[in-house]
Protein backbone atom coordinates (compact mmCIF):
# COMPACT_ATOMS: atom_id res chain seq x y z
CA MET A 1 20.59 18.08 16.40
CA VAL A 2 20.40 15.18 13.78
CA SER A 3 17.91 12.52 14.00
CA SER A 4 19.25 8.78 13.79
CA PRO A 5 19.11 7.54 10.15
CA SER A 6 16.83 4.57 11.78
CA GLN A 7 14.22 7.20 12.73
CA GLN A 8 13.61 8.86 9.66
CA ARG A 9 13.49 5.71 7.70
CA TRP A 10 10.07 4.62 8.68
CA ILE A 11 9.03 8.43 6.72
CA HIS A 12 10.73 7.61 3.78
CA PRO A 13 7.98 7.87 0.85
CA GLU A 14 9.41 4.45 -0.62
CA TYR A 15 9.45 2.89 2.80
CA VAL A 16 5.89 3.97 3.16
CA ALA A 17 4.06 3.34 0.13
CA THR A 18 5.63 -0.26 0.36
CA VAL A 19 4.39 -0.64 3.85
CA VAL A 20 1.02 0.46 2.36
CA GLY A 21 1.21 -1.90 -0.81
CA VAL A 22 2.19 -4.93 1.26
CA LEU A 23 -0.92 -4.13 3.82
CA ALA A 24 -3.45 -3.37 0.94
CA THR A 25 -2.22 -6.96 -0.98
CA GLY A 26 -2.64 -8.69 2.21
CA ALA A 27 -5.96 -7.42 2.60
CA LEU A 28 -7.43 -8.51 -1.05
CA VAL A 29 -5.84 -11.75 -0.31
CA PHE A 30 -7.64 -12.33 3.04
CA TYR A 31 -10.81 -11.24 0.82
CA SER A 32 -10.11 -13.89 -2.02
CA ALA A 33 -9.53 -16.41 0.79
CA ILE A 34 -13.00 -15.90 1.89
CA THR A 35 -15.15 -15.62 -1.16
CA GLN A 36 -15.40 -18.86 -3.35
CA SER A 37 -16.20 -17.11 -7.47
CA GLY A 38 -13.73 -16.64 -10.09
CA PRO A 39 -12.12 -13.02 -10.67
CA THR A 40 -13.81 -10.98 -13.16
CA VAL A 41 -13.05 -8.24 -15.12
CA GLU A 42 -13.92 -5.59 -12.47
CA GLU A 43 -12.57 -7.52 -9.71
CA ILE A 44 -9.31 -7.53 -11.78
CA ILE A 45 -9.57 -3.75 -12.13
CA PHE A 46 -10.70 -3.23 -8.65
CA VAL A 47 -7.48 -5.25 -7.33
CA VAL A 48 -5.22 -2.97 -9.47
CA LEU A 49 -7.30 0.12 -7.98
CA THR A 50 -7.20 -1.20 -4.33
CA ILE A 51 -3.44 -1.70 -4.42
CA THR A 52 -2.12 1.22 -6.33
CA VAL A 53 -4.39 3.84 -5.24
CA PRO A 54 -3.32 3.84 -1.27
CA THR A 55 -0.01 3.21 -2.18
CA THR A 56 0.53 6.22 -4.42
CA VAL A 57 -1.30 8.27 -1.84
CA ALA A 58 0.82 7.07 1.31
CA TYR A 59 4.00 7.87 -1.09
CA GLU A 60 2.66 11.55 -2.09
CA LEU A 61 1.74 12.00 1.65
CA ALA A 62 4.99 10.91 3.24
CA CYS A 63 6.92 13.44 0.55
CA ARG A 64 4.63 16.37 1.97
CA TRP A 65 5.22 14.79 5.56
CA ARG A 66 8.87 14.75 5.20
């Protein structure tokens, strides 16, 4: 029995990575909205890592889960 395409779409690695990336970006936007300081080099590096690391981990986990 073949699963329907809509059921398999949510475990597709690119879809999972995109969702995690959007959530990580939203969390950082929320954090920056409640703070009042300007970005430093360390904060920019933190932002890049906070978005790319969870996205990469989610992509790899989705590849293995699939």
